[in-house]
Amino acid sequence: MAGLTISGDTHPILKDDYASEWMGIEVLALDDGHATIRMPLRQEMLNGFGMAHGGMIFAFGDTAFALACNPANPGLADEGSITVASGVDINFIKPAFQGQVLTAVANRRASTGRSGLYDIQIYAADPAATEATGASPAASPAGAPAPTLPGGLPADVPPGELVAEFRGRSRTISKK
């Protein structure tokens, strides 16, 4: 798959995020209050019905949520704090299956004080559709934002079908 492989160099919260690494998540786009990621659905991510385990879809959406909530390049004002989930809801719309590629698009909807509200849409597409263009957001000139479709999805990543809607409520707290 094209795109930035997950690493601590992509976003500081990913440095020791072994769960996201195991899931094979790729970061496609990061901006203030926004993140787009994707991952392939593997056999070990399925439930007994042969479809994506709800916990896997939840964990995938939660990673997009965390990336959108926390700055990729923290400034001095961000140094002593982190933003975490204070609550989430997820609605499963339709199943996803082994071999499909999930894409999550996270966007901040509101932020006031230490609280925020984020919506994350999770899509599933067949692998051929996600690689049909051959383009990569990482191929954009350094520092230039990748072209996007409405909702923040990179233009070269077909979204597939909506499989889940995740809404997260965030709270900024002190690091301990």
Protein backbone atom coordinates (compact mmCIF):
# COMPACT_ATOMS: atom_id res chain seq x y z
CA MET A 1 0.00 0.00 0.00
CA ALA A 2 1.11 3.52 -0.70
CA GLY A 3 1.26 6.12 2.01
CA LEU A 4 3.16 6.80 5.17
CA THR A 5 3.77 3.75 7.28
CA ILE A 6 2.84 4.31 10.89
CA SER A 7 5.81 5.41 13.00
CA GLY A 8 6.80 7.79 15.74
CA ASP A 9 8.15 10.10 13.04
CA THR A 10 4.63 10.42 11.58
CA HIS A 11 2.99 11.38 14.89
CA PRO A 12 4.54 11.32 18.39
CA ILE A 13 1.70 9.28 19.93
CA LEU A 14 2.48 6.42 17.53
CA LYS A 15 6.05 5.94 18.78
CA ASP A 16 5.08 3.21 21.26
CA ASP A 17 1.60 2.33 19.91
CA TYR A 18 2.13 -1.39 19.37
CA ALA A 19 -1.57 -2.09 18.84
CA SER A 20 -1.78 0.27 15.84
CA GLU A 21 1.49 -1.15 14.53
CA TRP A 22 0.10 -4.72 14.79
CA MET A 23 -3.06 -3.62 12.97
CA GLY A 24 -0.94 -2.38 10.04
CA ILE A 25 -2.31 1.15 10.07
CA GLU A 26 -1.00 3.66 7.54
CA VAL A 27 -1.30 7.39 8.06
CA LEU A 28 -2.54 9.10 4.88
CA ALA A 29 -3.18 12.65 6.09
CA LEU A 30 -2.70 14.66 9.27
CA ASP A 31 -3.75 18.21 10.00
CA ASP A 32 -5.00 20.18 12.99
CA GLY A 33 -8.20 18.38 14.02
CA HIS A 34 -8.04 15.91 11.13
CA ALA A 35 -6.56 12.48 10.39
CA THR A 36 -7.07 9.95 7.62
CA ILE A 37 -5.73 6.41 8.06
CA ARG A 38 -6.18 3.01 6.46
CA MET A 39 -5.48 -0.66 7.10
CA PRO A 40 -6.12 -4.02 5.44
CA LEU A 41 -8.51 -6.46 7.13
CA ARG A 42 -6.61 -9.65 7.90
CA GLN A 43 -7.97 -13.06 8.92
CA GLU A 44 -7.03 -12.58 12.58
CA MET A 45 -9.24 -9.45 12.67
CA LEU A 46 -12.43 -11.39 11.90
CA ASN A 47 -15.16 -12.63 14.23
CA GLY A 48 -16.87 -16.04 14.14
CA PHE A 49 -19.21 -14.86 11.36
CA GLY A 50 -16.28 -14.20 9.01
CA MET A 51 -16.65 -10.41 9.12
CA ALA A 52 -14.54 -7.72 10.74
CA HIS A 53 -14.71 -7.95 14.53
CA GLY A 54 -16.45 -4.88 15.94
CA GLY A 55 -13.54 -4.38 18.34
CA MET A 56 -11.14 -4.10 15.40
CA ILE A 57 -13.28 -1.47 13.71
CA PHE A 58 -13.59 0.36 17.04
CA ALA A 59 -9.81 0.26 17.65
CA PHE A 60 -9.19 1.51 14.11
CA GLY A 61 -11.62 4.42 14.58
CA ASP A 62 -10.09 5.16 17.99
CA THR A 63 -6.63 5.52 16.42
CA ALA A 64 -7.96 8.04 13.88
CA PHE A 65 -9.68 9.87 16.76
CA ALA A 66 -6.44 10.04 18.80
CA LEU A 67 -4.46 11.32 15.82
CA ALA A 68 -7.02 14.07 15.13
CA CYS A 69 -7.12 15.12 18.82
CA ASN A 70 -3.39 15.47 19.40
CA PRO A 71 -1.06 17.76 17.44
CA ALA A 72 1.50 16.02 15.22
CA ASN A 73 4.00 18.79 16.04
CA PRO A 74 3.28 19.78 19.63
CA GLY A 75 4.30 23.30 20.61
CA LEU A 76 5.38 24.57 24.00
CA ALA A 77 1.75 25.09 25.02
CA ASP A 78 1.04 21.38 24.32
CA GLU A 79 4.13 20.05 26.10
CA GLY A 80 2.53 19.16 29.44
CA SER A 81 -0.78 17.81 28.19
CA ILE A 82 -2.39 15.05 26.14
CA THR A 83 -5.89 14.70 24.74
CA VAL A 84 -7.78 11.48 25.48
CA ALA A 85 -11.27 10.10 24.98
CA SER A 86 -13.85 11.06 27.56
CA GLY A 87 -16.50 9.00 25.77
CA VAL A 88 -17.30 7.48 22.40
CA ASP A 89 -20.20 6.00 20.46
CA ILE A 90 -19.98 3.77 17.43
CA ASN A 91 -22.69 2.70 15.00
CA PHE A 92 -21.99 -0.28 12.78
CA ILE A 93 -23.71 0.29 9.43
CA LYS A 94 -22.69 -2.80 7.44
CA PRO A 95 -20.06 -5.55 7.66
CA ALA A 96 -16.54 -5.47 6.26
CA PHE A 97 -14.67 -8.60 5.18
CA GLN A 98 -11.18 -10.07 4.99
CA GLY A 99 -9.12 -8.57 2.20
CA GLN A 100 -10.97 -5.26 2.19
CA VAL A 101 -9.13 -2.07 3.08
CA LEU A 102 -10.59 0.15 5.80
CA THR A 103 -10.18 3.92 5.62
CA ALA A 104 -11.04 6.17 8.56
CA VAL A 105 -11.57 9.91 8.18
CA ALA A 106 -11.56 11.84 11.47
CA ASN A 107 -12.62 15.49 11.73
CA ARG A 108 -13.00 17.85 14.67
CA ARG A 109 -16.56 19.20 14.83
CA ALA A 110 -16.23 21.43 17.90
CA SER A 111 -13.67 22.43 20.48
CA THR A 112 -14.00 24.63 23.54
CA GLY A 113 -11.70 24.83 26.53
CA ARG A 114 -10.40 21.33 27.25
CA SER A 115 -13.26 19.50 25.47
CA GLY A 116 -13.75 18.49 21.86
CA LEU A 117 -16.14 16.61 19.60
CA TYR A 118 -14.97 14.49 16.65
CA ASP A 119 -16.71 12.48 13.94
CA ILE A 120 -14.96 9.55 12.30
CA GLN A 121 -16.36 7.79 9.23
CA ILE A 122 -15.00 4.31 8.49
CA TYR A 123 -15.21 2.94 4.96
CA ALA A 124 -14.39 -0.48 3.44
CA ALA A 125 -13.25 -1.01 -0.14
CA ASP A 126 -11.82 -3.85 -2.17
CA PRO A 127 -8.02 -3.61 -2.41
CA ALA A 128 -8.06 -3.12 -6.19
CA ALA A 129 -10.14 0.05 -5.74
CA THR A 130 -7.73 1.57 -3.20
CA GLU A 131 -4.74 1.05 -5.47
CA ALA A 132 -6.43 1.85 -8.80
CA THR A 133 -4.94 5.32 -9.12
CA GLY A 134 -1.39 4.37 -8.21
CA ALA A 135 -1.00 7.81 -6.61
CA SER A 136 0.08 8.37 -3.06
CA PRO A 137 -0.60 11.25 -0.69
CA ALA A 138 3.05 10.91 0.32
CA ALA A 139 3.96 11.90 -3.26
CA SER A 140 2.69 15.45 -2.64
CA PRO A 141 5.40 18.14 -2.52
CA ALA A 142 6.92 18.51 0.93
CA GLY A 143 4.63 20.53 3.16
CA ALA A 144 1.84 20.67 0.57
CA PRO A 145 -1.47 19.24 1.71
CA ALA A 146 -2.73 16.27 -0.29
CA PRO A 147 -5.76 17.06 -2.45
CA THR A 148 -8.92 16.06 -0.63
CA LEU A 149 -12.55 15.26 -1.31
CA PRO A 150 -15.35 16.69 0.88
CA GLY A 151 -14.92 15.39 4.43
CA GLY A 152 -11.13 15.34 4.22
CA LEU A 153 -10.62 12.04 2.37
CA PRO A 154 -7.54 12.18 0.12
CA ALA A 155 -8.64 12.43 -3.51
CA ASP A 156 -6.55 9.41 -4.53
CA VAL A 157 -8.14 7.08 -1.93
CA PRO A 158 -11.55 5.76 -2.99
CA PRO A 159 -13.56 5.55 0.23
CA GLY A 160 -15.57 2.44 -0.54
CA GLU A 161 -18.77 1.88 1.42
CA LEU A 162 -19.52 3.39 4.81
CA VAL A 163 -19.32 0.61 7.42
CA ALA A 164 -19.27 2.58 10.70
CA GLU A 165 -19.76 6.02 12.22
CA PHE A 166 -17.68 6.76 15.33
CA ARG A 167 -18.25 9.88 17.45
CA GLY A 168 -15.67 10.78 20.06
CA ARG A 169 -15.70 13.25 22.89
CA SER A 170 -12.24 14.37 24.00
CA ARG A 171 -10.71 15.92 27.08
CA THR A 172 -7.27 17.50 27.38
CA ILE A 173 -5.51 16.47 30.58
CA SER A 174 -2.08 16.83 32.19
CA LYS A 175 0.57 14.25 31.30
CA LYS A 176 1.58 12.08 34.23
